[in-house]
Amino acid sequence: MSGHVEKLIAALPAKLRDPLTLSVLEEMSPGEVAEVLGIKRSGGRSRLFRARQILRERLAKVLEGDMESEKRNDSSTICTSPICWTTRSSSMAQPSRGPG
């Protein structure tokens, strides 16, 4: 999956990719990101929010495509990972929570 994430980050426009990279890889705060990029702090936060939003949307599409592919290959497999709970289509069955 990290290969997908790297490709999706690389596909972001530079004005969104740069703040995200500084925030995640360099572990900078939004204020530090804004300072390094020479923009207002609010602009830094906005760019980080937008970059994460786009990345989340695109990754959901990738995961949905992977899940559909797996579904075609093995229709008896149900994804029980929490990440699947937020990205699966409404037609998929809910994973079992077990007894309790």
Protein backbone atom coordinates (compact mmCIF):
# COMPACT_ATOMS: atom_id res chain seq x y z
CA MET A 1 0.00 0.00 0.00
CA SER A 2 2.88 2.43 0.67
CA GLY A 3 3.65 2.41 -3.06
CA HIS A 4 0.13 3.69 -3.72
CA VAL A 5 0.52 6.41 -1.10
CA GLU A 6 3.87 7.54 -2.50
CA LYS A 7 2.42 7.76 -6.02
CA LEU A 8 -0.62 9.67 -4.78
CA ILE A 9 1.55 12.14 -2.85
CA ALA A 10 3.81 12.62 -5.89
CA ALA A 11 0.72 13.37 -8.01
CA LEU A 12 -0.35 16.25 -5.74
CA PRO A 13 0.37 19.77 -6.97
CA ALA A 14 3.60 21.14 -5.44
CA LYS A 15 1.74 23.76 -3.40
CA LEU A 16 -0.06 20.90 -1.60
CA ARG A 17 2.66 18.24 -1.75
CA ASP A 18 5.35 20.42 -0.17
CA PRO A 19 3.42 21.29 3.01
CA LEU A 20 2.32 17.67 3.42
CA THR A 21 5.87 16.40 3.00
CA LEU A 22 7.23 18.90 5.51
CA SER A 23 4.49 18.06 7.99
CA VAL A 24 4.70 14.28 7.73
CA LEU A 25 8.32 13.49 6.85
CA GLU A 26 10.01 16.40 8.61
CA GLU A 27 7.47 16.34 11.49
CA MET A 28 6.93 20.10 11.31
CA SER A 29 3.98 21.88 12.89
CA PRO A 30 1.63 23.83 10.59
CA GLY A 31 3.27 27.03 11.83
CA GLU A 32 6.75 25.74 10.96
CA VAL A 33 5.52 24.59 7.55
CA ALA A 34 4.11 28.05 6.83
CA GLU A 35 7.34 29.71 7.95
CA VAL A 36 9.51 27.48 5.73
CA LEU A 37 7.24 28.07 2.73
CA GLY A 38 6.98 31.80 3.37
CA ILE A 39 3.19 31.81 3.62
CA LYS A 40 0.69 32.79 6.31
CA ARG A 41 0.02 30.24 9.03
CA SER A 42 -3.64 30.01 7.97
CA GLY A 43 -2.49 29.30 4.42
CA GLY A 44 -0.23 26.52 5.68
CA ARG A 45 -3.09 24.93 7.61
CA SER A 46 -5.40 25.25 4.60
CA ARG A 47 -2.91 23.60 2.28
CA LEU A 48 -2.30 20.76 4.74
CA PHE A 49 -6.04 20.22 5.14
CA ARG A 50 -6.62 20.22 1.38
CA ALA A 51 -3.66 17.90 0.70
CA ARG A 52 -4.89 15.40 3.29
CA GLN A 53 -8.43 15.62 1.97
CA ILE A 54 -7.38 14.93 -1.63
CA LEU A 55 -5.04 12.15 -0.52
CA ARG A 56 -7.81 10.55 1.55
CA GLU A 57 -10.27 10.69 -1.38
CA ARG A 58 -7.79 9.26 -3.88
CA LEU A 59 -6.59 6.55 -1.52
CA ALA A 60 -10.21 5.52 -0.87
CA LYS A 61 -10.66 5.07 -4.63
CA VAL A 62 -7.49 2.97 -4.84
CA LEU A 63 -8.57 0.82 -1.90
CA GLU A 64 -12.06 0.45 -3.32
CA GLY A 65 -10.56 -0.70 -6.62
CA ASP A 66 -8.29 -3.16 -4.80
CA MET A 67 -11.21 -4.45 -2.77
CA GLU A 68 -13.34 -4.89 -5.90
CA SER A 69 -10.45 -6.79 -7.50
CA GLU A 70 -10.11 -9.03 -4.45
CA LYS A 71 -13.86 -9.47 -4.36
CA ARG A 72 -13.79 -10.72 -7.95
CA ASN A 73 -10.91 -13.08 -7.11
CA ASP A 74 -12.40 -14.46 -3.88
CA SER A 75 -15.99 -13.52 -3.17
CA SER A 76 -15.89 -15.28 0.23
CA THR A 77 -13.21 -12.89 1.65
CA ILE A 78 -14.47 -10.05 3.86
CA CYS A 79 -12.15 -7.25 4.86
CA THR A 80 -12.14 -6.85 8.64
CA SER A 81 -9.55 -4.07 8.84
CA PRO A 82 -10.83 -0.80 10.36
CA ILE A 83 -9.63 1.05 7.26
CA CYS A 84 -12.11 -0.96 5.21
CA TRP A 85 -14.98 0.13 7.43
CA THR A 86 -14.60 3.72 6.27
CA THR A 87 -13.89 3.11 2.59
CA ARG A 88 -15.99 0.15 1.53
CA SER A 89 -19.08 0.55 -0.58
CA SER A 90 -22.47 0.26 1.06
CA SER A 91 -23.09 -3.05 -0.71
CA MET A 92 -20.43 -4.87 1.35
CA ALA A 93 -21.40 -6.74 4.47
CA GLN A 94 -20.48 -5.42 7.92
CA PRO A 95 -17.61 -7.37 9.53
CA SER A 96 -18.51 -9.35 12.58
CA ARG A 97 -17.56 -7.78 15.93
CA GLY A 98 -17.57 -11.15 17.66
CA PRO A 99 -19.50 -12.17 20.77
CA GLY A 100 -20.59 -9.51 23.17
